[in-house]
Amino acid sequence: MRAALAITLIAVSAAVLLTNTHGGALAQNSARVLFIALCVIGLGTSTIREKALSCAALALCAVLYISGKVDGVLAGLDLAAYFAAFIALLTALKIAAQRSNSVRVVGKYLIDQPAARRFVATATGGHILGVFLNFGAVSLMAPLIQSATKHADGSTNTALEQRQISALLRGFAWILLWAPTTLSQAVLLTLFTDINMGKLIPIGIGTALFMMFIGFAYDRFEWRHLSPTQSGVERPIFHPLAFLKLGTVCFSLIAATAVLQISAGYTTALSLMFVAPVVTLIWFGAQKDLGASLGSQLASFWPALLDDTAGLARSAIALGLSGFIGRTLAEALPVASLV
């Protein structure tokens, strides 16, 4: 089941990339059929969320078919396959990131900051890691926070834990405003192709910083009665090499996307879909143990992909079906009479 899901995810992504670069009815129809196959194969690992979305999608298909709007169904499948490929290719970055010692070191350094800097470090860390880890950033940093807030006797400093988790979520949430690796930006770039990313990103980052400042002010007010002994941890050790490695990955992702966008004329989202899997494989391959060959390390990527396939498939199915429902609902509703 996992192997079938992984192969189908790869096939959907390849068909979508081919459709958006070279076009052609064969590639487009293949992407549609493969997305349907992904939903069917993924039923075995689906939660109530994916099953409910599938039922809603089938109901809309019936409505449009009866209404003679088959083109609306096909357009919805195009959008669904695109969203599924986008989230699968970018979320796969976490396969390399979660196995990176640099990510763990940087995450631990950020959450172990002294009380005066802890909110800023945790919020910005969650924000930056979220750009290329997406929800994996929360999955990565939350256990680090929980381990850092435990006392020697095994008890937990619940106030400190709650404070840091809040800081993490307040920082992570605002990547939606600007990060091109998020689905919200993929939707915007699909609907509004003339968006100036040179303006969007600075405005988004500025707004995100402003909202995190509000979160910081609220954090200081909310925990104003917390004593210093309740909020202090040992001063963390800075590891410049870990930050350099992580910074190199971030820079490579951004720079390669920009180069492909300028040289080939692709959109930001499409460029990312090409760059992300390449960066994932290079990053994964660079994590080989001493004495291990690059080939053996890359050979272990397939088992690592299989371990994450169920989660990747659920995300791809859920977001793909959400896009399908939104697109077909616009066809089913009498929009002209509602305006």
Protein backbone atom coordinates (compact mmCIF):
# COMPACT_ATOMS: atom_id res chain seq x y z
CA MET A 1 0.00 0.00 0.00
CA ARG A 2 2.75 2.46 0.93
CA ALA A 3 4.73 1.66 -2.21
CA ALA A 4 1.64 2.11 -4.38
CA LEU A 5 0.90 5.45 -2.73
CA ALA A 6 4.49 6.64 -3.16
CA ILE A 7 4.58 5.66 -6.84
CA THR A 8 1.22 7.33 -7.46
CA LEU A 9 2.35 10.54 -5.72
CA ILE A 10 5.47 10.63 -7.88
CA ALA A 11 3.45 9.93 -11.02
CA VAL A 12 0.90 12.67 -10.23
CA SER A 13 3.71 15.15 -9.60
CA ALA A 14 5.49 14.23 -12.84
CA ALA A 15 2.26 14.53 -14.86
CA VAL A 16 1.46 17.92 -13.33
CA LEU A 17 4.97 19.25 -14.01
CA LEU A 18 4.79 18.00 -17.58
CA THR A 19 1.36 19.55 -18.07
CA ASN A 20 2.50 22.94 -16.79
CA THR A 21 5.69 23.02 -18.84
CA HIS A 22 4.93 21.28 -22.14
CA GLY A 23 1.15 20.97 -22.06
CA GLY A 24 -0.59 18.29 -24.05
CA ALA A 25 -3.84 16.42 -23.57
CA LEU A 26 -2.07 13.19 -22.64
CA ALA A 27 -0.19 14.70 -19.70
CA GLN A 28 -3.25 16.63 -18.54
CA ASN A 29 -5.56 13.60 -18.66
CA SER A 30 -2.89 11.48 -16.97
CA ALA A 31 -2.69 13.96 -14.08
CA ARG A 32 -6.47 13.82 -13.67
CA VAL A 33 -6.63 10.01 -13.71
CA LEU A 34 -3.63 9.68 -11.40
CA PHE A 35 -5.17 12.03 -8.84
CA ILE A 36 -8.35 9.93 -8.83
CA ALA A 37 -6.17 6.83 -8.42
CA LEU A 38 -4.36 8.50 -5.51
CA CYS A 39 -7.68 9.13 -3.76
CA VAL A 40 -8.81 5.53 -4.29
CA ILE A 41 -5.52 3.94 -3.21
CA GLY A 42 -5.28 6.34 -0.28
CA LEU A 43 -8.62 5.27 1.19
CA GLY A 44 -6.80 2.67 3.26
CA THR A 45 -4.80 5.32 5.10
CA SER A 46 -7.40 8.12 4.99
CA THR A 47 -8.93 9.70 8.06
CA ILE A 48 -12.49 10.95 8.45
CA ARG A 49 -11.34 14.27 6.94
CA GLU A 50 -10.31 12.77 3.59
CA LYS A 51 -13.36 10.51 3.47
CA ALA A 52 -15.74 13.43 4.13
CA LEU A 53 -14.05 15.51 1.44
CA SER A 54 -14.30 12.56 -0.97
CA CYS A 55 -18.04 12.29 -0.36
CA ALA A 56 -18.50 16.03 -0.93
CA ALA A 57 -16.44 15.84 -4.13
CA LEU A 58 -18.49 12.91 -5.46
CA ALA A 59 -21.73 14.76 -4.70
CA LEU A 60 -20.52 17.81 -6.63
CA CYS A 61 -19.45 15.60 -9.52
CA ALA A 62 -23.01 14.20 -9.68
CA VAL A 63 -24.54 17.67 -9.58
CA LEU A 64 -22.33 18.97 -12.38
CA TYR A 65 -22.83 15.84 -14.49
CA ILE A 66 -26.61 16.17 -14.24
CA SER A 67 -26.31 19.86 -15.08
CA GLY A 68 -24.20 19.07 -18.12
CA LYS A 69 -21.16 20.93 -16.77
CA VAL A 70 -18.58 18.21 -17.27
CA ASP A 71 -15.94 20.83 -18.11
CA GLY A 72 -16.28 22.10 -14.55
CA VAL A 73 -15.37 18.65 -13.21
CA LEU A 74 -12.30 18.48 -15.47
CA ALA A 75 -11.18 21.96 -14.40
CA GLY A 76 -11.61 20.90 -10.78
CA LEU A 77 -9.48 17.81 -11.36
CA ASP A 78 -6.75 19.95 -12.93
CA LEU A 79 -6.64 22.17 -9.85
CA ALA A 80 -6.81 19.18 -7.50
CA ALA A 81 -3.86 17.44 -9.17
CA TYR A 82 -1.85 20.66 -9.11
CA PHE A 83 -2.45 21.21 -5.38
CA ALA A 84 -1.70 17.57 -4.59
CA ALA A 85 1.60 17.70 -6.49
CA PHE A 86 2.58 21.03 -4.94
CA ILE A 87 2.06 19.97 -1.35
CA ALA A 88 3.63 16.53 -1.91
CA LEU A 89 6.81 17.89 -3.52
CA LEU A 90 7.33 20.63 -0.95
CA THR A 91 6.33 18.66 2.12
CA ALA A 92 8.85 15.99 1.10
CA LEU A 93 11.53 18.45 2.25
CA LYS A 94 10.80 17.33 5.79
CA ILE A 95 12.11 13.84 4.97
CA ALA A 96 15.59 15.35 4.82
CA ALA A 97 14.97 18.04 7.44
CA GLN A 98 13.73 15.67 10.15
CA ARG A 99 16.89 13.59 9.75
CA SER A 100 19.20 16.60 9.81
CA ASN A 101 21.27 17.06 12.95
CA SER A 102 21.65 20.75 12.03
CA VAL A 103 17.88 21.26 12.22
CA ARG A 104 17.76 19.63 15.66
CA VAL A 105 20.72 21.66 16.93
CA VAL A 106 19.26 24.94 15.65
CA GLY A 107 15.82 24.11 17.04
CA LYS A 108 17.23 23.27 20.47
CA TYR A 109 19.35 26.42 20.51
CA LEU A 110 16.32 28.56 19.73
CA ILE A 111 14.03 27.11 22.38
CA ASP A 112 16.71 27.10 25.09
CA GLN A 113 17.20 30.86 24.96
CA PRO A 114 17.12 32.91 28.20
CA ALA A 115 13.72 34.26 29.24
CA ALA A 116 14.33 37.73 27.80
CA ARG A 117 14.90 36.37 24.30
CA ARG A 118 12.93 33.13 24.37
CA PHE A 119 9.72 34.31 22.67
CA VAL A 120 11.60 36.02 19.87
CA ALA A 121 13.87 33.02 19.30
CA THR A 122 11.08 30.42 19.43
CA ALA A 123 8.65 32.44 17.29
CA THR A 124 11.19 33.37 14.63
CA GLY A 125 12.63 29.85 14.70
CA GLY A 126 9.18 28.34 14.14
CA HIS A 127 8.57 30.90 11.40
CA ILE A 128 11.84 30.29 9.55
CA LEU A 129 11.78 26.50 9.89
CA GLY A 130 8.13 26.53 8.84
CA VAL A 131 9.06 28.08 5.50
CA PHE A 132 10.59 24.84 4.26
CA LEU A 133 9.28 22.33 6.81
CA ASN A 134 5.66 23.52 6.85
CA PHE A 135 3.81 21.57 9.58
CA GLY A 136 6.97 19.56 10.11
CA ALA A 137 8.39 22.59 11.96
CA VAL A 138 5.77 22.19 14.69
CA SER A 139 6.34 18.43 14.78
CA LEU A 140 10.07 19.03 15.13
CA MET A 141 10.13 21.83 17.70
CA ALA A 142 7.24 20.77 19.94
CA PRO A 143 9.07 17.67 21.28
CA LEU A 144 12.22 19.79 21.78
CA ILE A 145 10.19 22.27 23.82
CA GLN A 146 8.66 19.47 25.89
CA SER A 147 12.06 17.97 26.64
CA ALA A 148 13.57 21.35 27.51
CA THR A 149 10.81 22.11 30.04
CA LYS A 150 11.29 18.94 32.10
CA HIS A 151 12.99 19.11 35.49
CA ALA A 152 15.64 16.68 36.68
CA ASP A 153 13.04 14.78 38.73
CA GLY A 154 10.91 14.16 35.61
CA SER A 155 8.24 16.76 36.38
CA THR A 156 7.27 19.37 33.77
CA ASN A 157 7.33 23.15 34.05
CA THR A 158 3.84 23.50 32.56
CA ALA A 159 3.91 27.32 32.53
CA LEU A 160 7.15 27.39 30.56
CA GLU A 161 5.92 24.66 28.20
CA GLN A 162 2.68 26.49 27.48
CA ARG A 163 4.52 29.77 26.95
CA GLN A 164 6.97 28.30 24.45
CA ILE A 165 4.34 26.32 22.54
CA SER A 166 2.31 29.54 22.22
CA ALA A 167 5.38 31.38 20.92
CA LEU A 168 6.05 28.60 18.41
CA LEU A 169 2.50 28.69 17.04
CA ARG A 170 2.39 32.49 16.93
CA GLY A 171 5.53 32.54 14.84
CA PHE A 172 4.66 29.58 12.62
CA ALA A 173 1.18 30.78 11.67
CA TRP A 174 2.38 33.90 9.85
CA ILE A 175 4.36 32.09 7.15
CA LEU A 176 1.04 32.03 5.28
CA LEU A 177 1.46 35.73 4.51
CA TRP A 178 4.53 35.45 2.33
CA ALA A 179 6.29 32.06 2.16
CA PRO A 180 6.08 30.70 -1.42
CA THR A 181 6.34 27.16 -0.01
CA THR A 182 2.85 27.36 1.53
CA LEU A 183 -0.34 26.27 -0.20
CA SER A 184 -1.97 29.68 0.37
CA GLN A 185 0.67 31.29 -1.82
CA ALA A 186 0.28 28.55 -4.42
CA VAL A 187 -3.44 29.36 -4.56
CA LEU A 188 -2.76 33.08 -4.92
CA LEU A 189 -0.17 32.54 -7.63
CA THR A 190 -2.59 30.26 -9.49
CA LEU A 191 -5.47 32.74 -9.37
CA PHE A 192 -3.46 35.95 -9.85
CA THR A 193 -0.61 35.21 -12.23
CA ASP A 194 0.57 38.84 -12.43
CA ILE A 195 1.40 39.12 -8.71
CA ASN A 196 4.67 40.97 -8.12
CA MET A 197 6.59 38.73 -5.72
CA GLY A 198 9.12 41.52 -5.18
CA LYS A 199 6.35 43.51 -3.50
CA LEU A 200 4.37 40.65 -1.96
CA ILE A 201 7.23 39.09 0.00
CA PRO A 202 8.49 42.30 1.74
CA ILE A 203 4.92 43.32 2.63
CA GLY A 204 4.15 39.81 3.89
CA ILE A 205 7.35 39.62 5.96
CA GLY A 206 6.70 43.10 7.38
CA THR A 207 3.15 42.17 8.37
CA ALA A 208 4.35 38.88 9.88
CA LEU A 209 6.96 40.70 11.98
CA PHE A 210 4.34 43.20 13.14
CA MET A 211 1.94 40.42 14.18
CA MET A 212 4.73 38.56 15.98
CA PHE A 213 5.54 41.80 17.82
CA ILE A 214 1.90 41.94 18.97
CA GLY A 215 2.24 38.32 20.08
CA PHE A 216 5.42 39.21 21.96
CA ALA A 217 3.69 42.11 23.75
CA TYR A 218 0.77 39.88 24.69
CA ASP A 219 3.18 37.18 25.89
CA ARG A 220 4.91 39.67 28.20
CA PHE A 221 1.56 40.83 29.56
CA GLU A 222 0.06 37.35 29.93
CA TRP A 223 3.06 35.98 31.85
CA ARG A 224 3.97 39.14 33.78
CA HIS A 225 3.49 37.36 37.11
CA LEU A 226 5.85 34.49 36.25
CA SER A 227 8.87 34.55 38.52
CA PRO A 228 12.39 34.44 37.00
CA THR A 229 13.05 31.05 38.59
CA GLN A 230 10.07 29.63 36.73
CA SER A 231 11.20 30.92 33.38
CA GLY A 232 14.95 30.43 33.34
CA VAL A 233 16.95 27.73 31.60
CA GLU A 234 20.66 27.25 31.08
CA ARG A 235 22.31 29.44 28.48
CA PRO A 236 22.42 27.47 25.20
CA ILE A 237 25.58 26.88 23.16
CA PHE A 238 25.72 28.47 19.71
CA HIS A 239 26.78 26.10 16.91
CA PRO A 240 27.76 28.25 13.91
CA LEU A 241 28.27 25.25 11.59
CA ALA A 242 24.70 24.06 12.13
CA PHE A 243 23.33 27.52 11.37
CA LEU A 244 25.58 27.74 8.31
CA LYS A 245 24.33 24.40 6.96
CA LEU A 246 20.69 25.30 7.53
CA GLY A 247 21.23 28.74 6.03
CA THR A 248 22.83 27.14 2.97
CA VAL A 249 19.77 24.93 2.45
CA CYS A 250 17.42 27.93 2.74
CA PHE A 251 19.55 30.06 0.42
CA SER A 252 19.85 27.24 -2.13
CA LEU A 253 16.08 26.73 -2.16
CA ILE A 254 15.40 30.44 -2.69
CA ALA A 255 18.25 31.10 -5.13
CA ALA A 256 17.57 28.05 -7.32
CA THR A 257 13.87 28.95 -7.45
CA ALA A 258 14.69 32.51 -8.52
CA VAL A 259 17.17 31.35 -11.18
CA LEU A 260 14.67 28.88 -12.66
CA GLN A 261 11.91 31.46 -12.57
CA ILE A 262 14.02 34.04 -14.41
CA SER A 263 15.71 31.69 -16.87
CA ALA A 264 12.72 29.52 -17.81
CA GLY A 265 9.91 31.99 -17.18
CA TYR A 266 8.09 29.66 -14.78
CA THR A 267 5.90 30.90 -11.95
CA THR A 268 7.30 30.90 -8.42
CA ALA A 269 5.12 27.93 -7.42
CA LEU A 270 6.09 25.88 -10.47
CA SER A 271 9.78 26.70 -9.99
CA LEU A 272 9.56 25.54 -6.39
CA MET A 273 7.98 22.27 -7.50
CA PHE A 274 11.07 21.56 -9.61
CA VAL A 275 13.62 22.80 -7.08
CA ALA A 276 12.22 21.29 -3.85
CA PRO A 277 12.73 17.58 -4.73
CA VAL A 278 16.27 18.29 -6.00
CA VAL A 279 17.16 20.13 -2.77
CA THR A 280 15.56 17.31 -0.77
CA LEU A 281 17.69 14.63 -2.45
CA ILE A 282 20.93 16.64 -2.19
CA TRP A 283 20.25 17.47 1.46
CA PHE A 284 19.37 13.86 2.23
CA GLY A 285 22.46 12.60 0.42
CA ALA A 286 24.72 15.00 2.32
CA GLN A 287 23.68 13.42 5.62
CA LYS A 288 25.57 10.17 5.02
CA ASP A 289 27.43 8.60 7.94
CA LEU A 290 31.21 8.55 8.04
CA GLY A 291 32.48 5.86 5.71
CA ALA A 292 29.15 5.48 3.93
CA SER A 293 28.93 6.14 0.21
CA LEU A 294 26.68 8.71 -1.40
CA GLY A 295 24.99 5.94 -3.37
CA SER A 296 24.08 3.96 -0.26
CA GLN A 297 22.72 7.08 1.40
CA LEU A 298 20.54 7.97 -1.59
CA ALA A 299 19.40 4.34 -1.79
CA SER A 300 17.98 4.73 1.72
CA PHE A 301 15.78 7.61 0.54
CA TRP A 302 13.13 5.22 -0.79
CA PRO A 303 12.53 3.55 2.62
CA ALA A 304 12.49 7.01 4.21
CA LEU A 305 9.92 8.14 1.64
CA LEU A 306 7.78 5.08 2.37
CA ASP A 307 7.82 5.93 6.09
CA ASP A 308 6.33 9.36 5.30
CA THR A 309 4.12 8.33 2.40
CA ALA A 310 0.89 7.94 4.37
CA GLY A 311 1.15 11.48 5.76
CA LEU A 312 2.16 12.94 2.41
CA ALA A 313 -0.74 11.17 0.70
CA ARG A 314 -3.28 12.39 3.27
CA SER A 315 -2.10 15.98 2.85
CA ALA A 316 -2.12 15.70 -0.94
CA ILE A 317 -5.59 14.14 -1.00
CA ALA A 318 -7.09 16.59 1.50
CA LEU A 319 -5.71 19.71 -0.17
CA GLY A 320 -6.36 18.40 -3.67
CA LEU A 321 -9.98 17.60 -2.84
CA SER A 322 -10.37 20.98 -1.13
CA GLY A 323 -9.24 22.67 -4.33
CA PHE A 324 -11.56 20.46 -6.37
CA ILE A 325 -14.55 21.26 -4.14
CA GLY A 326 -13.87 25.00 -4.29
CA ARG A 327 -13.50 24.97 -8.09
CA THR A 328 -16.55 22.81 -8.80
CA LEU A 329 -18.71 24.59 -6.22
CA ALA A 330 -18.15 27.81 -8.14
CA GLU A 331 -19.56 26.02 -11.20
CA ALA A 332 -22.49 24.47 -9.35
CA LEU A 333 -23.66 27.66 -7.61
CA PRO A 334 -25.56 30.34 -9.56
CA VAL A 335 -22.82 32.88 -8.94
CA ALA A 336 -24.20 35.44 -11.41
CA SER A 337 -27.53 35.66 -9.55
CA LEU A 338 -25.80 35.90 -6.16
CA VAL A 339 -23.63 38.91 -7.04
